[in-house]
C-alpha atoms as a PDB file:
ATOM      1  CA  MET A   1       0.000   0.000   0.000  1.00  0.00           C
ATOM      2  CA  THR A   2       1.549   3.311  -1.086  1.00  0.00           C
ATOM      3  CA  ALA A   3       0.636   6.953  -0.978  1.00  0.00           C
ATOM      4  CA  ALA A   4      -0.467   8.749  -4.099  1.00  0.00           C
ATOM      5  CA  VAL A   5       2.353   9.467  -6.584  1.00  0.00           C
ATOM      6  CA  ASN A   6       3.851  12.978  -6.376  1.00  0.00           C
ATOM      7  CA  LYS A   7       1.345  13.918  -3.701  1.00  0.00           C
ATOM      8  CA  PRO A   8       2.891  15.030  -0.404  1.00  0.00           C
ATOM      9  CA  VAL A   9       1.740  13.083   2.636  1.00  0.00           C
ATOM     10  CA  GLY A  10      -1.078  14.879   4.441  1.00  0.00           C
ATOM     11  CA  THR A  11      -2.204  16.948   1.430  1.00  0.00           C
ATOM     12  CA  ASP A  12      -5.801  15.707   1.622  1.00  0.00           C
ATOM     13  CA  ALA A  13      -5.969  16.305   5.385  1.00  0.00           C
ATOM     14  CA  LEU A  14      -4.585  19.807   4.925  1.00  0.00           C
ATOM     15  CA  GLN A  15      -7.269  20.628   2.366  1.00  0.00           C
ATOM     16  CA  VAL A  16     -10.128  19.075   4.327  1.00  0.00           C
ATOM     17  CA  LYS A  17      -9.215  19.908   7.937  1.00  0.00           C
ATOM     18  CA  GLY A  18      -7.025  22.982   7.631  1.00  0.00           C
ATOM     19  CA  TRP A  19      -3.457  23.518   8.793  1.00  0.00           C
ATOM     20  CA  TRP A  20      -3.987  23.338  12.565  1.00  0.00           C
ATOM     21  CA  ARG A  21      -6.068  20.164  12.670  1.00  0.00           C
ATOM     22  CA  SER A  22      -3.708  18.409  10.256  1.00  0.00           C
ATOM     23  CA  HIS A  23      -0.689  19.260  12.443  1.00  0.00           C
ATOM     24  CA  GLN A  24      -2.086  19.617  15.963  1.00  0.00           C
ATOM     25  CA  TRP A  25      -0.641  16.479  17.540  1.00  0.00           C
ATOM     26  CA  LEU A  26       2.733  17.054  15.902  1.00  0.00           C
ATOM     27  CA  LEU A  27       2.852  20.618  17.252  1.00  0.00           C
ATOM     28  CA  LEU A  28       1.768  19.525  20.722  1.00  0.00           C
ATOM     29  CA  ARG A  29       4.499  16.883  20.746  1.00  0.00           C
ATOM     30  CA  ARG A  30       7.152  19.357  19.708  1.00  0.00           C
ATOM     31  CA  THR A  31       5.941  21.791  22.367  1.00  0.00           C
ATOM     32  CA  SER A  32       6.182  19.036  24.987  1.00  0.00           C
ATOM     33  CA  GLN A  33       9.677  17.927  23.935  1.00  0.00           C
ATOM     34  CA  ILE A  34      11.129  21.432  23.690  1.00  0.00           C
ATOM     35  CA  THR A  35       9.492  22.605  26.930  1.00  0.00           C
ATOM     36  CA  LEU A  36      10.828  19.641  28.913  1.00  0.00           C
ATOM     37  CA  LEU A  37      14.295  20.107  27.486  1.00  0.00           C
ATOM     38  CA  ALA A  38      14.172  23.837  28.286  1.00  0.00           C
ATOM     39  CA  LEU A  39      13.172  23.135  31.890  1.00  0.00           C
ATOM     40  CA  PHE A  40      16.288  21.008  32.380  1.00  0.00           C
ATOM     41  CA  LEU A  41      18.490  23.670  30.782  1.00  0.00           C
ATOM     42  CA  LEU A  42      17.041  26.700  32.595  1.00  0.00           C
ATOM     43  CA  GLY A  43      19.055  25.962  35.738  1.00  0.00           C
ATOM     44  CA  PRO A  44      22.524  25.592  34.185  1.00  0.00           C
ATOM     45  CA  TRP A  45      21.932  28.310  31.588  1.00  0.00           C
ATOM     46  CA  ALA A  46      19.915  30.928  33.499  1.00  0.00           C
ATOM     47  CA  GLY A  47      20.097  29.939  37.157  1.00  0.00           C
ATOM     48  CA  ILE A  48      16.353  29.222  37.286  1.00  0.00           C
ATOM     49  CA  TRP A  49      16.177  25.850  39.015  1.00  0.00           C
ATOM     50  CA  LEU A  50      12.589  24.725  38.447  1.00  0.00           C
ATOM     51  CA  VAL A  51      13.949  21.278  37.656  1.00  0.00           C
ATOM     52  CA  LYS A  52      17.268  19.868  38.800  1.00  0.00           C
ATOM     53  CA  GLY A  53      18.844  16.894  37.064  1.00  0.00           C
ATOM     54  CA  ASN A  54      18.016  15.260  33.756  1.00  0.00           C
ATOM     55  CA  LEU A  55      15.695  12.639  32.267  1.00  0.00           C
ATOM     56  CA  SER A  56      17.502   9.909  34.196  1.00  0.00           C
ATOM     57  CA  SER A  57      16.823  11.461  37.586  1.00  0.00           C
ATOM     58  CA  SER A  58      15.367  14.831  38.545  1.00  0.00           C
ATOM     59  CA  LEU A  59      13.751  16.867  41.281  1.00  0.00           C
ATOM     60  CA  THR A  60      10.982  19.301  40.307  1.00  0.00           C
ATOM     61  CA  LEU A  61      10.336  22.383  42.456  1.00  0.00           C
ATOM     62  CA  GLY A  62      12.315  20.748  45.232  1.00  0.00           C
ATOM     63  CA  LEU A  63       9.415  18.374  45.900  1.00  0.00           C
ATOM     64  CA  LEU A  64       8.693  15.893  43.108  1.00  0.00           C
ATOM     65  CA  PRO A  65      11.349  13.218  42.499  1.00  0.00           C
ATOM     66  CA  LEU A  66      11.302  11.498  39.109  1.00  0.00           C
ATOM     67  CA  THR A  67      13.574   8.628  38.171  1.00  0.00           C
ATOM     68  CA  ASP A  68      13.857   6.698  34.935  1.00  0.00           C
ATOM     69  CA  PRO A  69      12.894   3.133  35.939  1.00  0.00           C
ATOM     70  CA  TYR A  70      15.178   1.752  33.217  1.00  0.00           C
ATOM     71  CA  VAL A  71      18.167   3.523  34.773  1.00  0.00           C
ATOM     72  CA  LEU A  72      17.052   2.356  38.225  1.00  0.00           C
ATOM     73  CA  LEU A  73      16.834  -1.241  36.991  1.00  0.00           C
ATOM     74  CA  GLN A  74      20.345  -1.044  35.555  1.00  0.00           C
ATOM     75  CA  SER A  75      21.615   0.375  38.840  1.00  0.00           C
ATOM     76  CA  ILE A  76      20.091  -2.494  40.821  1.00  0.00           C
ATOM     77  CA  VAL A  77      21.493  -5.086  38.392  1.00  0.00           C
ATOM     78  CA  ALA A  78      24.889  -3.393  38.754  1.00  0.00           C
ATOM     79  CA  GLY A  79      24.681  -3.980  42.504  1.00  0.00           C
ATOM     80  CA  HIS A  80      23.900  -0.433  43.624  1.00  0.00           C
ATOM     81  CA  TRP A  81      20.750  -0.228  45.731  1.00  0.00           C
ATOM     82  CA  PRO A  82      19.087   3.173  45.141  1.00  0.00           C
ATOM     83  CA  TYR A  83      17.935   5.720  47.700  1.00  0.00           C
ATOM     84  CA  GLN A  84      14.289   5.718  48.761  1.00  0.00           C
ATOM     85  CA  THR A  85      13.568   8.939  46.820  1.00  0.00           C
ATOM     86  CA  ALA A  86      14.897   7.306  43.635  1.00  0.00           C
ATOM     87  CA  ILE A  87      12.589   4.322  44.144  1.00  0.00           C
ATOM     88  CA  ILE A  88       9.589   6.612  44.732  1.00  0.00           C
ATOM     89  CA  GLY A  89      10.501   8.623  41.631  1.00  0.00           C
ATOM     90  CA  ALA A  90      10.767   5.471  39.538  1.00  0.00           C
ATOM     91  CA  LEU A  91       7.380   4.225  40.756  1.00  0.00           C
ATOM     92  CA  ILE A  92       5.747   7.552  39.798  1.00  0.00           C
ATOM     93  CA  VAL A  93       7.239   7.399  36.294  1.00  0.00           C
ATOM     94  CA  PHE A  94       6.425   3.698  35.903  1.00  0.00           C
ATOM     95  CA  VAL A  95       2.757   4.133  36.836  1.00  0.00           C
ATOM     96  CA  PHE A  96       2.402   7.136  34.523  1.00  0.00           C
ATOM     97  CA  TYR A  97       3.751   5.326  31.462  1.00  0.00           C
ATOM     98  CA  ALA A  98       1.931   2.118  32.360  1.00  0.00           C
ATOM     99  CA  LEU A  99      -1.308   4.098  32.072  1.00  0.00           C
ATOM    100  CA  VAL A 100      -0.684   6.380  29.083  1.00  0.00           C
ATOM    101  CA  GLY A 101       1.577   4.083  27.059  1.00  0.00           C
ATOM    102  CA  GLY A 102       5.258   3.475  27.614  1.00  0.00           C
ATOM    103  CA  ARG A 103       6.417   4.668  24.228  1.00  0.00           C
ATOM    104  CA  VAL A 104       4.774   8.022  24.843  1.00  0.00           C
ATOM    105  CA  TYR A 105       8.233   8.676  26.273  1.00  0.00           C
ATOM    106  CA  CYS A 106       9.679   8.230  22.769  1.00  0.00           C
ATOM    107  CA  SER A 107       7.340  10.629  20.969  1.00  0.00           C
ATOM    108  CA  TRP A 108       6.450  13.195  23.645  1.00  0.00           C
ATOM    109  CA  VAL A 109       9.508  13.365  25.931  1.00  0.00           C
ATOM    110  CA  CYS A 110      12.696  12.073  24.323  1.00  0.00           C
ATOM    111  CA  PRO A 111      14.696  14.918  22.713  1.00  0.00           C
ATOM    112  CA  VAL A 112      16.468  12.477  20.376  1.00  0.00           C
ATOM    113  CA  ASN A 113      13.102  11.988  18.661  1.00  0.00           C
ATOM    114  CA  LEU A 114      13.582  15.505  17.285  1.00  0.00           C
ATOM    115  CA  VAL A 115      16.825  14.320  15.682  1.00  0.00           C
ATOM    116  CA  THR A 116      15.448  11.084  14.240  1.00  0.00           C
ATOM    117  CA  ASP A 117      12.256  12.738  12.970  1.00  0.00           C
ATOM    118  CA  CYS A 118      14.424  15.330  11.230  1.00  0.00           C
ATOM    119  CA  ALA A 119      16.442  12.533   9.604  1.00  0.00           C
ATOM    120  CA  ALA A 120      13.225  10.789   8.472  1.00  0.00           C
ATOM    121  CA  TRP A 121      11.887  14.050   7.010  1.00  0.00           C
ATOM    122  CA  LEU A 122      15.140  14.792   5.168  1.00  0.00           C
ATOM    123  CA  ARG A 123      15.395  11.201   3.914  1.00  0.00           C
ATOM    124  CA  LEU A 124      11.939  11.569   2.370  1.00  0.00           C
ATOM    125  CA  ARG A 125      12.780  14.928   0.796  1.00  0.00           C
ATOM    126  CA  LEU A 126      16.046  13.604  -0.675  1.00  0.00           C
ATOM    127  CA  GLY A 127      14.324  10.482  -1.993  1.00  0.00           C
ATOM    128  CA  ILE A 128      16.693   8.121  -0.171  1.00  0.00           C
ATOM    129  CA  ARG A 129      15.327   4.583  -0.347  1.00  0.00           C
ATOM    130  CA  GLY A 130      16.401   1.154   0.772  1.00  0.00           C
ATOM    131  CA  GLY A 131      19.160   0.576   3.270  1.00  0.00           C
ATOM    132  CA  ALA A 132      20.107  -2.005   5.856  1.00  0.00           C
ATOM    133  CA  HIS A 133      17.503  -4.244   7.438  1.00  0.00           C
ATOM    134  CA  VAL A 134      17.500  -5.182  11.103  1.00  0.00           C
ATOM    135  CA  SER A 135      14.652  -6.955  12.870  1.00  0.00           C
ATOM    136  CA  ARG A 136      12.535  -4.819  15.165  1.00  0.00           C
ATOM    137  CA  GLU A 137      13.165  -7.445  17.831  1.00  0.00           C
ATOM    138  CA  THR A 138      16.809  -6.358  17.910  1.00  0.00           C
ATOM    139  CA  ARG A 139      15.987  -3.557  20.357  1.00  0.00           C
ATOM    140  CA  TYR A 140      14.906  -6.139  22.948  1.00  0.00           C
ATOM    141  CA  TRP A 141      18.215  -7.983  22.557  1.00  0.00           C
ATOM    142  CA  VAL A 142      20.030  -4.663  22.994  1.00  0.00           C
ATOM    143  CA  LEU A 143      17.922  -4.022  26.108  1.00  0.00           C
ATOM    144  CA  ALA A 144      18.917  -7.405  27.553  1.00  0.00           C
ATOM    145  CA  MET A 145      22.557  -6.757  26.667  1.00  0.00           C
ATOM    146  CA  THR A 146      22.612  -3.427  28.541  1.00  0.00           C
ATOM    147  CA  LEU A 147      21.431  -5.220  31.678  1.00  0.00           C
ATOM    148  CA  VAL A 148      24.058  -7.946  31.243  1.00  0.00           C
ATOM    149  CA  VAL A 149      26.792  -5.336  30.800  1.00  0.00           C
ATOM    150  CA  ALA A 150      25.546  -3.477  33.896  1.00  0.00           C
ATOM    151  CA  GLY A 151      25.759  -6.687  35.912  1.00  0.00           C
ATOM    152  CA  VAL A 152      29.224  -7.592  34.629  1.00  0.00           C
ATOM    153  CA  THR A 153      30.782  -4.129  34.963  1.00  0.00           C
ATOM    154  CA  GLY A 154      28.951  -2.995  38.085  1.00  0.00           C
ATOM    155  CA  THR A 155      28.076   0.284  36.347  1.00  0.00           C
ATOM    156  CA  VAL A 156      25.140   1.819  34.492  1.00  0.00           C
ATOM    157  CA  ALA A 157      27.222   1.448  31.340  1.00  0.00           C
ATOM    158  CA  TRP A 158      24.442   2.373  28.913  1.00  0.00           C
ATOM    159  CA  GLU A 159      24.500   5.945  30.170  1.00  0.00           C
ATOM    160  CA  TRP A 160      28.029   6.325  28.777  1.00  0.00           C
ATOM    161  CA  VAL A 161      26.644   6.186  25.221  1.00  0.00           C
ATOM    162  CA  ASN A 162      22.931   6.900  25.622  1.00  0.00           C
ATOM    163  CA  PRO A 163      22.147   9.536  22.924  1.00  0.00           C
ATOM    164  CA  VAL A 164      19.566  11.175  25.237  1.00  0.00           C
ATOM    165  CA  SER A 165      22.195  11.769  27.913  1.00  0.00           C
ATOM    166  CA  MET A 166      24.734  12.753  25.270  1.00  0.00           C
ATOM    167  CA  LEU A 167      22.394  15.366  23.782  1.00  0.00           C
ATOM    168  CA  HIS A 168      21.865  16.871  27.226  1.00  0.00           C
ATOM    169  CA  ARG A 169      25.598  16.949  27.934  1.00  0.00           C
ATOM    170  CA  GLY A 170      26.311  18.424  24.513  1.00  0.00           C
ATOM    171  CA  MET A 171      23.904  21.300  25.109  1.00  0.00           C
ATOM    172  CA  LEU A 172      25.528  21.996  28.474  1.00  0.00           C
ATOM    173  CA  PHE A 173      29.207  21.605  27.630  1.00  0.00           C
ATOM    174  CA  GLY A 174      29.442  22.329  23.906  1.00  0.00           C
ATOM    175  CA  VAL A 175      31.069  20.481  21.030  1.00  0.00           C
ATOM    176  CA  GLY A 176      32.618  17.127  21.863  1.00  0.00           C
ATOM    177  CA  LEU A 177      32.008  13.387  21.959  1.00  0.00           C
ATOM    178  CA  ALA A 178      28.410  13.945  23.052  1.00  0.00           C
ATOM    179  CA  TRP A 179      27.494  15.713  19.815  1.00  0.00           C
ATOM    180  CA  ALA A 180      29.379  13.083  17.825  1.00  0.00           C
ATOM    181  CA  VAL A 181      27.062  10.368  19.215  1.00  0.00           C
ATOM    182  CA  VAL A 182      23.954  12.422  18.365  1.00  0.00           C
ATOM    183  CA  LEU A 183      25.313  13.084  14.860  1.00  0.00           C
ATOM    184  CA  LEU A 184      25.917   9.362  14.348  1.00  0.00           C
ATOM    185  CA  VAL A 185      22.273   8.637  15.233  1.00  0.00           C
ATOM    186  CA  PHE A 186      21.144  11.280  12.714  1.00  0.00           C
ATOM    187  CA  LEU A 187      23.382   9.928   9.941  1.00  0.00           C
ATOM    188  CA  PHE A 188      22.384   6.344  10.734  1.00  0.00           C
ATOM    189  CA  ASP A 189      18.692   7.139  10.285  1.00  0.00           C
ATOM    190  CA  LEU A 190      19.326   9.314   7.239  1.00  0.00           C
ATOM    191  CA  PHE A 191      21.605   7.056   5.188  1.00  0.00           C
ATOM    192  CA  VAL A 192      21.652   3.575   6.703  1.00  0.00           C
ATOM    193  CA  MET A 193      18.161   2.672   7.921  1.00  0.00           C
ATOM    194  CA  HIS A 194      14.817   4.483   7.844  1.00  0.00           C
ATOM    195  CA  ARG A 195      13.787   5.132  11.474  1.00  0.00           C
ATOM    196  CA  GLY A 196      16.445   2.615  12.418  1.00  0.00           C
ATOM    197  CA  TRP A 197      17.519   3.956  15.783  1.00  0.00           C
ATOM    198  CA  CYS A 198      14.155   4.406  17.521  1.00  0.00           C
ATOM    199  CA  GLY A 199      12.399   1.560  15.718  1.00  0.00           C
ATOM    200  CA  ARG A 200      15.023  -1.159  15.779  1.00  0.00           C
ATOM    201  CA  ILE A 201      17.972  -0.408  18.060  1.00  0.00           C
ATOM    202  CA  CYS A 202      17.140   1.835  21.032  1.00  0.00           C
ATOM    203  CA  PRO A 203      16.806  -0.160  24.294  1.00  0.00           C
ATOM    204  CA  VAL A 204      15.007   2.721  26.011  1.00  0.00           C
ATOM    205  CA  GLY A 205      12.097   2.426  23.585  1.00  0.00           C
ATOM    206  CA  ALA A 206      12.137  -1.346  24.034  1.00  0.00           C
ATOM    207  CA  PHE A 207      11.947  -0.970  27.817  1.00  0.00           C
ATOM    208  CA  TYR A 208       9.066   1.486  27.700  1.00  0.00           C
ATOM    209  CA  SER A 209       7.143  -0.648  25.216  1.00  0.00           C
ATOM    210  CA  LEU A 210       7.155  -3.370  27.888  1.00  0.00           C
ATOM    211  CA  VAL A 211       6.094  -0.906  30.582  1.00  0.00           C
ATOM    212  CA  GLY A 212       3.119   0.302  28.525  1.00  0.00           C
ATOM    213  CA  ALA A 213       2.065  -3.061  27.088  1.00  0.00           C
ATOM    214  CA  LYS A 214      -1.322  -2.868  28.855  1.00  0.00           C
ATOM    215  CA  SER A 215      -1.719   0.901  28.909  1.00  0.00           C
ATOM    216  CA  VAL A 216      -5.152   2.516  28.968  1.00  0.00           C
ATOM    217  CA  LEU A 217      -4.646   5.238  26.343  1.00  0.00           C
ATOM    218  CA  ARG A 218      -4.903   3.851  22.819  1.00  0.00           C
ATOM    219  CA  VAL A 219      -5.251   5.020  19.236  1.00  0.00           C
ATOM    220  CA  ASN A 220      -8.562   3.819  17.859  1.00  0.00           C
ATOM    221  CA  ALA A 221      -9.424   3.373  14.165  1.00  0.00           C
ATOM    222  CA  ALA A 222     -13.026   4.060  15.144  1.00  0.00           C
ATOM    223  CA  LYS A 223     -14.147   5.029  11.621  1.00  0.00           C
ATOM    224  CA  ARG A 224     -12.103   2.505   9.681  1.00  0.00           C
ATOM    225  CA  SER A 225     -14.958   1.880   7.269  1.00  0.00           C
ATOM    226  CA  ALA A 226     -14.373   5.430   6.002  1.00  0.00           C
ATOM    227  CA  CYS A 227     -10.750   4.683   5.051  1.00  0.00           C
ATOM    228  CA  ASN A 228      -9.995   5.563   1.419  1.00  0.00           C
ATOM    229  CA  ASP A 229      -6.665   3.695   1.278  1.00  0.00           C
ATOM    230  CA  CYS A 230      -4.568   6.847   0.830  1.00  0.00           C
ATOM    231  CA  ALA A 231      -1.878   5.251   3.056  1.00  0.00           C
ATOM    232  CA  ASP A 232      -0.836   8.587   4.560  1.00  0.00           C
ATOM    233  CA  CYS A 233      -1.104   7.107   8.050  1.00  0.00           C
ATOM    234  CA  TYR A 234       1.370   4.364   7.120  1.00  0.00           C
ATOM    235  CA  ALA A 235       3.759   6.943   5.690  1.00  0.00           C
ATOM    236  CA  VAL A 236       3.946   9.012   8.891  1.00  0.00           C
ATOM    237  CA  CYS A 237       3.699   6.246  11.492  1.00  0.00           C
ATOM    238  CA  PRO A 238       7.070   5.371  13.068  1.00  0.00           C
ATOM    239  CA  GLU A 239       5.771   1.794  13.503  1.00  0.00           C
ATOM    240  CA  PRO A 240       3.520   1.354  10.424  1.00  0.00           C
ATOM    241  CA  LEU A 241       3.047  -2.404  10.811  1.00  0.00           C
ATOM    242  CA  ILE A 242       0.927  -1.864  13.919  1.00  0.00           C
ATOM    243  CA  LEU A 243      -1.823  -0.122  11.912  1.00  0.00           C
ATOM    244  CA  LYS A 244      -2.677  -2.910   9.494  1.00  0.00           C
ATOM    245  CA  LEU A 245      -4.828  -5.127  11.723  1.00  0.00           C
ATOM    246  CA  PRO A 246      -6.844  -2.373  13.475  1.00  0.00           C
ATOM    247  CA  LEU A 247      -7.408  -0.572  10.176  1.00  0.00           C
ATOM    248  CA  LYS A 248      -8.079  -3.519   7.853  1.00  0.00           C
ATOM    249  CA  GLY A 249      -9.055  -6.340  10.173  1.00  0.00           C
ATOM    250  CA  ALA A 250     -12.801  -5.725  10.402  1.00  0.00           C
ATOM    251  CA  ALA A 251     -13.653  -8.761   8.254  1.00  0.00           C
ATOM    252  CA  ALA A 252     -11.694 -10.959  10.649  1.00  0.00           C
ATOM    253  CA  GLY A 253     -13.366  -9.388  13.677  1.00  0.00           C
ATOM    254  CA  ALA A 254     -10.203  -7.575  14.794  1.00  0.00           C
ATOM    255  CA  SER A 255     -10.591  -4.685  17.199  1.00  0.00           C
ATOM    256  CA  PRO A 256     -10.021  -1.196  15.755  1.00  0.00           C
ATOM    257  CA  LEU A 257      -7.889  -0.400  18.812  1.00  0.00           C
ATOM    258  CA  VAL A 258      -4.137  -0.215  18.220  1.00  0.00           C
ATOM    259  CA  LEU A 259      -3.108  -2.569  20.988  1.00  0.00           C
ATOM    260  CA  SER A 260       0.533  -3.047  20.010  1.00  0.00           C
ATOM    261  CA  PRO A 261       2.940  -1.951  22.761  1.00  0.00           C
ATOM    262  CA  ASN A 262       5.124  -0.456  20.016  1.00  0.00           C
ATOM    263  CA  CYS A 263       2.633   2.346  19.329  1.00  0.00           C
ATOM    264  CA  THR A 264       4.144   5.673  20.419  1.00  0.00           C
ATOM    265  CA  ASN A 265       0.773   7.465  20.679  1.00  0.00           C
ATOM    266  CA  CYS A 266       2.302  10.241  18.597  1.00  0.00           C
ATOM    267  CA  GLY A 267      -1.056  11.107  17.014  1.00  0.00           C
ATOM    268  CA  ARG A 268       0.316  11.645  13.515  1.00  0.00           C
ATOM    269  CA  CYS A 269      -2.115   9.124  12.028  1.00  0.00           C
ATOM    270  CA  ILE A 270      -4.898  11.303  13.446  1.00  0.00           C
ATOM    271  CA  ASP A 271      -3.342  14.444  11.963  1.00  0.00           C
ATOM    272  CA  VAL A 272      -2.896  13.237   8.391  1.00  0.00           C
ATOM    273  CA  CYS A 273      -6.174  11.343   7.959  1.00  0.00           C
ATOM    274  CA  SER A 274      -8.629  13.402   5.905  1.00  0.00           C
ATOM    275  CA  LYS A 275     -11.447  10.995   6.847  1.00  0.00           C
ATOM    276  CA  ASP A 276     -10.916  11.287  10.625  1.00  0.00           C
ATOM    277  CA  VAL A 277     -10.574   7.518  10.886  1.00  0.00           C
ATOM    278  CA  PHE A 278      -8.414   7.666  14.019  1.00  0.00           C
ATOM    279  CA  ILE A 279      -9.037   9.051  17.484  1.00  0.00           C
ATOM    280  CA  PHE A 280      -7.510   8.628  20.939  1.00  0.00           C
ATOM    281  CA  SER A 281      -9.593   6.493  23.275  1.00  0.00           C
ATOM    282  CA  SER A 282      -9.358   4.019  26.143  1.00  0.00           C
ATOM    283  CA  ARG A 283      -8.416   0.364  25.669  1.00  0.00           C
ATOM    284  CA  PHE A 284     -11.692  -0.334  27.511  1.00  0.00           C
ATOM    285  CA  THR A 285     -13.772   1.486  24.892  1.00  0.00           C
ATOM    286  CA  LYS A 286     -16.629  -0.753  23.850  1.00  0.00           C
ATOM    287  CA  VAL A 287     -16.223  -1.600  20.181  1.00  0.00           C
ATOM    288  CA  SER A 288     -19.656  -1.797  18.612  1.00  0.00           C
ATOM    289  CA  SER A 289     -18.853  -0.881  15.029  1.00  0.00           C
ATOM    290  CA  THR A 290     -17.263  -4.152  13.916  1.00  0.00           C
ATOM    291  CA  ALA A 291     -20.460  -5.498  12.360  1.00  0.00           C
ATOM    292  CA  ASN A 292     -21.005  -2.250  10.514  1.00  0.00           C
ATOM    293  CA  ASP A 293     -17.423  -2.324   9.277  1.00  0.00           C
ATOM    294  CA  ARG A 294     -17.901  -5.835   7.928  1.00  0.00           C
ATOM    295  CA  ALA A 295     -21.092  -4.843   6.139  1.00  0.00           C
ATOM    296  CA  THR A 296     -19.390  -1.799   4.649  1.00  0.00           C
ATOM    297  CA  GLU A 297     -16.443  -3.860   3.427  1.00  0.00           C
ATOM    298  CA  ARG A 298     -18.748  -6.440   1.828  1.00  0.00           C
ATOM    299  CA  SER A 299     -20.732  -3.725   0.061  1.00  0.00           C
ATOM    300  CA  GLN A 300     -17.511  -2.111  -1.203  1.00  0.00           C
ATOM    301  CA  GLN A 301     -16.210  -5.437  -2.476  1.00  0.00           C
ATOM    302  CA  SER A 302     -19.470  -6.051  -4.391  1.00  0.00           C
ATOM    303  CA  VAL A 303     -19.309  -2.752  -6.255  1.00  0.00           C
END
């Protein structure tokens, strides 16, 4: 399934819904990512310490501790038992992502997503196709390997090369190894593999996909019978394979809910759909349109 030839992705949505509604979730994501990054940088840059720390561990307004549970897990495996505040912070973060979807971290929080999205956009504009192929399961092997290395070395070794940490350090301390790591991620996604880092390699995304496997917030192809097969949603989705069953599985009785833990809840499928097929909803939403979808598909096939 491919998008219309020589027709930019989202053109129909732009014409039907207007600029804001065809970009709203993208703009909200960018606002979230940039705002969070700015909050961490305000202290070192301007002396305004609303938030102290980084995405691994922070203290907001001197009251709210937040800890990355993935970093905490590595620390425990390495043999370093964390302080009580770190455990409380990790529980807060874990519960949040368990409810809203673990990979929300990837699309709404992680600053490296800005880099990889830029590479994906430029790759499309330059017409770069093909590239290396690595299974999407590789990220889970990388996740396991980071825990093994932590146990063997007695350190949170992943943080030495984590592009998220490197980006933060680079913005604080200037040009150096940190920026080199971020540049490598950009070049990897641009020339080697389309959405390769976030979709196939990054252990952080793998960890949070496990955390949010049963999350409440879900994308819902509630009006899938209205789909006109433009394929714009597939073109913008960082994990396009997860859309096929909810969107086209009515005849088989499949739920229109995107239940894959790999969904980032980025909302871009909602933005670019001119037929408003997708919405955000709860995983407990009662699906009553399956029969109607089947009837619609049968009538379309008979025409």
